[in-house]
């Protein structure tokens, strides 16, 4: 019966027990609370931040089940859930927000202080299991708040919907919600992984006149060209351009060295947006007086400052009308059994998003 509670759900999941050590094992998920939704996972993209967490370079909370770029089908709902019923297709957003603080009510749920608070909802071998990014998507089931779910149109495949949850939300959102790129702009993008290519899509959608992508891997540069980049170069080639006249520069590679180079490449009065996720103790250095005199803007970006119900609906409609090629990000799929290796070694460099299908 809809909303009826069960004691718990035992399901298969990847568990990172320590840096570089991943097991496929059974975990236990508590029954949904009043406003929670239990989802049978259909697809979860392998994001760089998942690999970094598994390596211990991003966070040191272990054991953990990572995975956050996740879609699936609702199988059970809490008694107070009103927006979804079992059988609904959903994508999970990372805005596990309260809905009532100053950030939520001003349209910035990704800044909600409640978003990163841990809910002790998972266990492994009788011990608490960290729910990576509030999702734990590398599993056959996931438990999240109703507010973190967005309906997926029937015409959108669930593996494509999954990448909207992070890569598209972050990259396209950085262009539309954070930087407000204008038609005719000159844009540079450091890094052509899932997020960097999503930035390219957003810049093209916004009518940027020039989109230069800086990426060391040839296969990724080729993908950027197919998505509308007007020029692609290696980091060494970009240095030789001696070009510091870009209106907006996005850094999605996650290295402080490239963040500093992105700031340098931004024109006076222009905007630099930092999207990458370096280790938490790394620092970006700038020449303070030069930066003050340049009137540049330096902006951070967490998941594109997304408002999921509004933004995801927009991205799905743009995809269905052929204006946002979301399917270009999904380059291969893998089973949950094979995903442990992907978390330890990372996907091959010529992949953009490997989607795990439990």
Protein backbone atom coordinates (compact mmCIF):
# COMPACT_ATOMS: atom_id res chain seq x y z
CA UNK A 1 0.00 0.00 0.00
CA UNK A 2 1.28 3.47 -0.85
CA UNK A 3 3.08 5.06 2.08
CA UNK A 4 3.08 1.86 4.13
CA UNK A 5 6.27 1.48 6.14
CA UNK A 6 8.58 -1.49 6.21
CA UNK A 7 11.34 -2.06 8.71
CA UNK A 8 14.22 -1.56 6.28
CA UNK A 9 15.53 -2.41 2.83
CA UNK A 10 18.56 -4.61 2.26
CA UNK A 11 20.25 -3.80 -1.04
CA UNK A 12 23.54 -4.14 -2.91
CA UNK A 13 25.95 -1.21 -2.90
CA UNK A 14 29.55 -0.19 -3.35
CA UNK A 15 31.16 0.54 0.01
CA UNK A 16 34.44 2.43 0.19
CA UNK A 17 35.93 1.12 3.42
CA UNK A 18 39.16 3.13 3.26
CA UNK A 19 41.01 5.17 0.61
CA UNK A 20 41.37 2.99 -2.49
CA UNK A 21 39.45 0.04 -1.02
CA UNK A 22 35.99 -0.66 -2.46
CA UNK A 23 33.70 -3.62 -1.80
CA UNK A 24 30.40 -4.66 -3.36
CA UNK A 25 28.28 -5.77 -0.43
CA UNK A 26 24.85 -5.59 1.14
CA UNK A 27 23.83 -2.47 3.04
CA UNK A 28 20.68 -1.70 5.00
CA UNK A 29 18.55 1.37 4.28
CA UNK A 30 16.05 2.50 6.92
CA UNK A 31 12.38 2.73 6.00
CA UNK A 32 11.31 6.14 4.66
CA UNK A 33 10.43 8.79 7.18
CA UNK A 34 7.37 10.95 6.58
CA UNK A 35 8.95 13.16 3.88
CA UNK A 36 11.38 10.64 2.35
CA UNK A 37 11.32 8.65 -0.86
CA UNK A 38 12.87 5.24 -1.51
CA UNK A 39 14.08 4.87 -5.09
CA UNK A 40 15.13 1.87 -7.12
CA UNK A 41 18.25 3.22 -8.82
CA UNK A 42 18.31 3.07 -12.61
CA UNK A 43 21.52 4.98 -13.33
CA UNK A 44 24.34 6.81 -11.55
CA UNK A 45 27.09 8.70 -13.33
CA UNK A 46 30.71 8.34 -12.21
CA UNK A 47 31.75 11.88 -11.31
CA UNK A 48 35.29 13.04 -10.55
CA UNK A 49 34.26 13.94 -7.00
CA UNK A 50 33.19 10.32 -6.37
CA UNK A 51 36.61 9.11 -7.47
CA UNK A 52 38.31 11.75 -5.31
CA UNK A 53 36.29 10.74 -2.27
CA UNK A 54 37.12 7.07 -2.86
CA UNK A 55 40.80 8.03 -2.99
CA UNK A 56 40.56 10.01 0.25
CA UNK A 57 41.69 13.27 -1.35
CA UNK A 58 38.34 15.09 -1.08
CA UNK A 59 36.81 13.80 2.18
CA UNK A 60 37.93 11.34 4.82
CA UNK A 61 34.54 9.99 5.94
CA UNK A 62 34.67 6.19 5.71
CA UNK A 63 32.98 3.82 5.23
CA UNK A 64 30.95 5.57 2.57
CA UNK A 65 28.75 4.71 -0.37
CA UNK A 66 29.39 7.50 -2.90
CA UNK A 67 27.45 8.32 -6.06
CA UNK A 68 25.25 11.36 -6.49
CA UNK A 69 24.37 11.75 -10.20
CA UNK A 70 21.39 9.44 -9.84
CA UNK A 71 18.00 8.68 -11.36
CA UNK A 72 15.50 5.89 -10.78
CA UNK A 73 11.94 4.83 -10.04
CA UNK A 74 10.08 5.48 -6.80
CA UNK A 75 9.23 2.28 -4.93
CA UNK A 76 8.07 3.59 -1.54
CA UNK A 77 7.12 6.95 -0.04
CA UNK A 78 6.69 8.34 3.45
CA UNK A 79 3.28 9.23 4.83
CA UNK A 80 3.69 12.98 4.22
CA UNK A 81 4.97 12.74 0.64
CA UNK A 82 2.56 14.46 -1.76
CA UNK A 83 4.45 14.93 -5.03
CA UNK A 84 5.37 11.33 -5.86
CA UNK A 85 3.88 7.84 -5.82
CA UNK A 86 5.47 4.45 -6.47
CA UNK A 87 6.25 4.06 -10.17
CA UNK A 88 7.22 7.69 -10.76
CA UNK A 89 10.48 8.31 -12.64
CA UNK A 90 12.74 10.80 -10.85
CA UNK A 91 16.21 12.31 -10.85
CA UNK A 92 17.87 13.21 -7.57
CA UNK A 93 19.07 16.77 -7.03
CA UNK A 94 21.79 17.62 -4.52
CA UNK A 95 19.65 20.29 -2.87
CA UNK A 96 18.77 18.36 0.28
CA UNK A 97 17.49 21.65 1.64
CA UNK A 98 15.19 22.67 4.48
CA UNK A 99 12.99 24.94 2.35
CA UNK A 100 12.62 27.62 5.04
CA UNK A 101 15.97 29.39 5.61
CA UNK A 102 17.05 32.68 3.99
CA UNK A 103 18.90 30.81 1.22
CA UNK A 104 16.04 28.46 0.35
CA UNK A 105 13.47 31.25 0.34
CA UNK A 106 15.68 33.49 -1.81
CA UNK A 107 16.08 30.79 -4.47
CA UNK A 108 19.53 29.44 -3.53
CA UNK A 109 18.86 25.99 -1.99
CA UNK A 110 22.42 24.80 -2.67
CA UNK A 111 23.58 27.24 0.04
CA UNK A 112 21.21 25.82 2.67
CA UNK A 113 23.10 24.81 5.83
CA UNK A 114 20.92 21.71 6.14
CA UNK A 115 22.01 20.42 2.74
CA UNK A 116 25.15 18.72 3.99
CA UNK A 117 23.87 17.53 7.36
CA UNK A 118 24.13 13.76 7.55
CA UNK A 119 21.01 11.72 8.08
CA UNK A 120 21.90 8.39 9.77
CA UNK A 121 19.82 6.35 7.35
CA UNK A 122 22.28 3.70 6.10
CA UNK A 123 24.23 0.92 7.80
CA UNK A 124 26.80 -1.66 6.76
CA UNK A 125 27.68 -4.70 8.82
CA UNK A 126 25.85 -3.18 11.78
CA UNK A 127 27.73 0.14 11.67
CA UNK A 128 26.70 3.58 10.40
CA UNK A 129 27.46 4.13 6.71
CA UNK A 130 28.04 7.61 5.32
CA UNK A 131 25.56 8.51 2.60
CA UNK A 132 27.84 10.09 0.01
CA UNK A 133 26.65 13.57 -1.03
CA UNK A 134 23.36 12.75 0.70
CA UNK A 135 22.53 10.22 -2.03
CA UNK A 136 24.72 7.06 -1.98
CA UNK A 137 23.79 6.38 -5.58
CA UNK A 138 26.17 3.48 -6.25
CA UNK A 139 23.57 1.08 -4.94
CA UNK A 140 20.45 -0.68 -6.12
CA UNK A 141 18.30 1.62 -3.94
CA UNK A 142 18.60 5.15 -2.56
CA UNK A 143 16.71 7.04 0.15
CA UNK A 144 16.39 10.84 -0.12
CA UNK A 145 14.02 13.63 0.90
CA UNK A 146 11.05 14.28 -1.34
CA UNK A 147 12.41 17.81 -1.86
CA UNK A 148 15.50 16.31 -3.52
CA UNK A 149 13.50 14.59 -6.27
CA UNK A 150 12.43 15.97 -9.64
CA UNK A 151 10.07 14.20 -12.04
CA UNK A 152 11.59 12.97 -15.31
CA UNK A 153 9.47 13.20 -18.50
CA UNK A 154 8.67 9.84 -20.08
CA UNK A 155 10.53 10.81 -23.26
CA UNK A 156 13.82 11.32 -21.38
CA UNK A 157 15.85 8.11 -20.76
CA UNK A 158 16.81 7.69 -17.11
CA UNK A 159 20.55 7.36 -17.84
CA UNK A 160 20.41 10.76 -19.54
CA UNK A 161 18.33 12.24 -16.72
CA UNK A 162 20.99 11.10 -14.24
CA UNK A 163 23.67 13.43 -15.65
CA UNK A 164 21.34 16.39 -15.21
CA UNK A 165 21.67 15.90 -11.46
CA UNK A 166 25.30 17.04 -11.36
CA UNK A 167 27.20 17.58 -14.63
CA UNK A 168 24.48 19.50 -16.46
CA UNK A 169 23.21 21.26 -13.34
CA UNK A 170 26.73 22.43 -12.55
CA UNK A 171 28.02 23.28 -16.01
CA UNK A 172 24.94 24.78 -17.65
CA UNK A 173 23.93 26.36 -14.34
CA UNK A 174 27.35 28.02 -14.06
CA UNK A 175 26.69 29.72 -17.38
CA UNK A 176 23.04 30.65 -16.87
CA UNK A 177 22.71 31.12 -13.10
CA UNK A 178 26.18 32.16 -11.94
CA UNK A 179 28.02 33.97 -14.76
CA UNK A 180 25.03 35.16 -16.82
CA UNK A 181 26.96 34.80 -20.08
CA UNK A 182 25.66 37.22 -22.71
CA UNK A 183 25.27 36.73 -26.48
CA UNK A 184 28.46 37.63 -28.33
CA UNK A 185 30.71 36.88 -25.33
CA UNK A 186 34.20 35.43 -25.49
CA UNK A 187 34.35 32.38 -23.21
CA UNK A 188 37.19 30.07 -22.19
CA UNK A 189 36.69 26.71 -20.45
CA UNK A 190 39.47 24.87 -18.62
CA UNK A 191 38.77 21.13 -18.62
CA UNK A 192 36.49 19.13 -20.90
CA UNK A 193 35.13 16.46 -18.61
CA UNK A 194 31.41 16.13 -17.93
CA UNK A 195 31.15 19.52 -16.25
CA UNK A 196 33.41 21.36 -18.69
CA UNK A 197 31.48 20.02 -21.68
CA UNK A 198 28.26 21.06 -19.95
CA UNK A 199 29.71 24.57 -19.68
CA UNK A 200 30.34 24.44 -23.43
CA UNK A 201 26.69 23.47 -24.01
CA UNK A 202 25.54 26.34 -21.81
CA UNK A 203 27.82 28.86 -23.52
CA UNK A 204 26.58 27.82 -26.96
CA UNK A 205 22.99 27.99 -25.71
CA UNK A 206 23.64 31.52 -24.41
CA UNK A 207 24.93 32.71 -27.78
CA UNK A 208 28.62 33.10 -26.92
CA UNK A 209 30.54 34.17 -30.02
CA UNK A 210 33.76 32.37 -29.10
CA UNK A 211 34.17 29.29 -26.89
CA UNK A 212 37.78 28.18 -26.37
CA UNK A 213 38.33 24.89 -24.54
CA UNK A 214 41.62 24.06 -22.82
CA UNK A 215 42.06 20.30 -22.43
CA UNK A 216 45.11 17.99 -22.62
CA UNK A 217 43.25 14.92 -23.98
CA UNK A 218 42.59 14.87 -27.73
CA UNK A 219 39.38 12.80 -27.48
CA UNK A 220 37.84 15.31 -25.10
CA UNK A 221 38.89 18.23 -27.28
CA UNK A 222 37.14 16.51 -30.20
CA UNK A 223 33.95 16.14 -28.14
CA UNK A 224 34.10 19.82 -27.22
CA UNK A 225 34.30 20.73 -30.90
CA UNK A 226 31.24 18.60 -31.68
CA UNK A 227 29.33 20.41 -28.94
CA UNK A 228 30.12 23.82 -30.39
CA UNK A 229 33.53 24.92 -29.11
CA UNK A 230 35.02 27.31 -31.66
CA UNK A 231 38.60 26.40 -30.74
CA UNK A 232 40.30 23.73 -28.62
CA UNK A 233 43.88 23.84 -27.37
CA UNK A 234 46.19 22.05 -24.97
CA UNK A 235 47.30 23.92 -21.83
CA UNK A 236 50.70 24.66 -23.46
CA UNK A 237 49.04 25.98 -26.59
CA UNK A 238 46.76 28.20 -24.53
CA UNK A 239 49.79 29.69 -22.80
CA UNK A 240 51.29 30.56 -26.17
CA UNK A 241 48.12 32.43 -27.14
CA UNK A 242 48.97 35.04 -24.50
CA UNK A 243 45.26 35.85 -24.44
CA UNK A 244 43.84 37.60 -21.38
CA UNK A 245 40.79 39.10 -23.04
CA UNK A 246 38.01 36.60 -22.29
CA UNK A 247 34.76 37.97 -20.89
CA UNK A 248 34.20 34.82 -18.82
CA UNK A 249 36.58 31.99 -17.94
CA UNK A 250 35.35 28.77 -16.33
CA UNK A 251 37.69 26.40 -14.49
CA UNK A 252 36.30 22.87 -14.17
CA UNK A 253 39.50 20.81 -13.97
CA UNK A 254 39.83 21.21 -10.22
CA UNK A 255 43.49 22.24 -9.96
CA UNK A 256 44.57 25.40 -8.16
CA UNK A 257 47.23 26.00 -10.82
CA UNK A 258 44.62 26.13 -13.58
CA UNK A 259 42.33 28.22 -11.38
CA UNK A 260 45.09 30.83 -11.16
CA UNK A 261 45.63 30.66 -14.93
CA UNK A 262 41.91 31.10 -15.48
CA UNK A 263 41.93 34.27 -13.40
CA UNK A 264 44.89 35.59 -15.40
CA UNK A 265 43.09 34.90 -18.70
CA UNK A 266 40.02 36.92 -17.71
CA UNK A 267 39.81 40.42 -19.15
CA UNK A 268 39.66 43.52 -16.96
CA UNK A 269 36.12 43.74 -15.64
CA UNK A 270 35.45 40.14 -16.66
CA UNK A 271 34.36 37.13 -14.63
CA UNK A 272 36.15 33.97 -13.53
CA UNK A 273 34.00 31.08 -12.31
CA UNK A 274 35.58 28.24 -10.32
CA UNK A 275 33.71 24.93 -10.58
CA UNK A 276 36.43 22.34 -9.96
CA UNK A 277 36.84 20.54 -6.62
CA UNK A 278 40.48 20.50 -5.46
CA UNK A 279 41.52 18.98 -2.10
CA UNK A 280 40.14 21.08 0.78
CA UNK A 281 43.54 22.34 1.98
CA UNK A 282 44.64 23.71 -1.41
CA UNK A 283 44.72 27.48 -1.87
CA UNK A 284 44.47 29.84 -4.83
CA UNK A 285 46.92 32.74 -4.90
CA UNK A 286 46.30 36.04 -6.66
CA UNK A 287 48.20 39.30 -6.81
CA UNK A 288 45.95 41.36 -4.60
CA UNK A 289 46.64 44.86 -5.95
CA UNK A 290 46.46 43.73 -9.58
CA UNK A 291 43.15 42.00 -8.88
CA UNK A 292 41.70 45.07 -7.16
CA UNK A 293 42.72 47.33 -10.02
CA UNK A 294 41.36 44.91 -12.65
CA UNK A 295 37.79 44.98 -11.32
CA UNK A 296 37.51 41.30 -12.19
CA UNK A 297 34.84 39.18 -10.54
CA UNK A 298 35.80 35.84 -8.98
CA UNK A 299 32.81 33.55 -8.40
CA UNK A 300 32.48 30.14 -6.84
CA UNK A 301 29.95 27.66 -8.14
CA UNK A 302 28.34 24.74 -6.32
CA UNK A 303 26.14 22.65 -8.62
CA UNK A 304 25.24 25.68 -10.72
CA UNK A 305 23.27 27.36 -7.89
CA UNK A 306 20.48 25.14 -9.13
CA UNK A 307 16.79 25.44 -8.33
CA UNK A 308 15.97 21.87 -9.36
CA UNK A 309 12.26 21.91 -10.17
CA UNK A 310 12.64 25.01 -12.33
CA UNK A 311 16.05 24.34 -13.86
CA UNK A 312 15.73 20.59 -14.48
CA UNK A 313 12.41 21.09 -16.22
CA UNK A 314 14.05 23.70 -18.45
CA UNK A 315 16.98 21.40 -19.27
CA UNK A 316 14.68 18.49 -20.11
CA UNK A 317 12.60 20.66 -22.44
CA UNK A 318 15.71 22.03 -24.17
CA UNK A 319 16.94 18.44 -24.63
CA UNK A 320 13.62 17.30 -26.10
CA UNK A 321 13.70 20.25 -28.53
CA UNK A 322 17.24 19.42 -29.64
CA UNK A 323 18.90 22.46 -28.11
CA UNK A 324 20.76 20.78 -25.24
CA UNK A 325 22.43 17.50 -26.32
CA UNK A 326 22.48 15.79 -22.93
CA UNK A 327 23.06 12.39 -24.51
CA UNK A 328 26.52 13.50 -25.66
CA UNK A 329 27.76 13.20 -22.08
CA UNK A 330 26.91 9.50 -21.66
CA UNK A 331 29.77 7.68 -23.36
CA UNK A 332 29.38 4.19 -21.86
CA UNK A 333 27.57 2.16 -19.21
CA UNK A 334 28.76 -0.33 -16.59
CA UNK A 335 27.24 -2.72 -14.09
CA UNK A 336 27.50 -2.23 -10.34
CA UNK A 337 29.82 -5.24 -10.28
CA UNK A 338 32.30 -3.45 -12.56
CA UNK A 339 32.02 -0.02 -10.96
CA UNK A 340 34.42 -0.69 -8.08
CA UNK A 341 37.33 -0.51 -10.50
CA UNK A 342 36.02 2.78 -11.89
CA UNK A 343 35.97 4.29 -8.40
CA UNK A 344 39.53 3.19 -7.67
CA UNK A 345 41.16 3.93 -11.03
CA UNK A 346 38.77 6.52 -12.42
CA UNK A 347 37.14 6.21 -15.85
CA UNK A 348 39.43 6.17 -18.93
CA UNK A 349 40.48 9.62 -20.12
CA UNK A 350 38.49 9.30 -23.35
CA UNK A 351 35.24 8.79 -21.41
CA UNK A 352 33.02 11.67 -20.36
CA UNK A 353 30.39 9.97 -18.20
CA UNK A 354 30.31 6.27 -17.49
CA UNK A 355 26.83 5.54 -16.18
CA UNK A 356 26.47 2.68 -13.71
CA UNK A 357 23.25 0.68 -14.04
CA UNK A 358 22.64 -1.54 -10.98
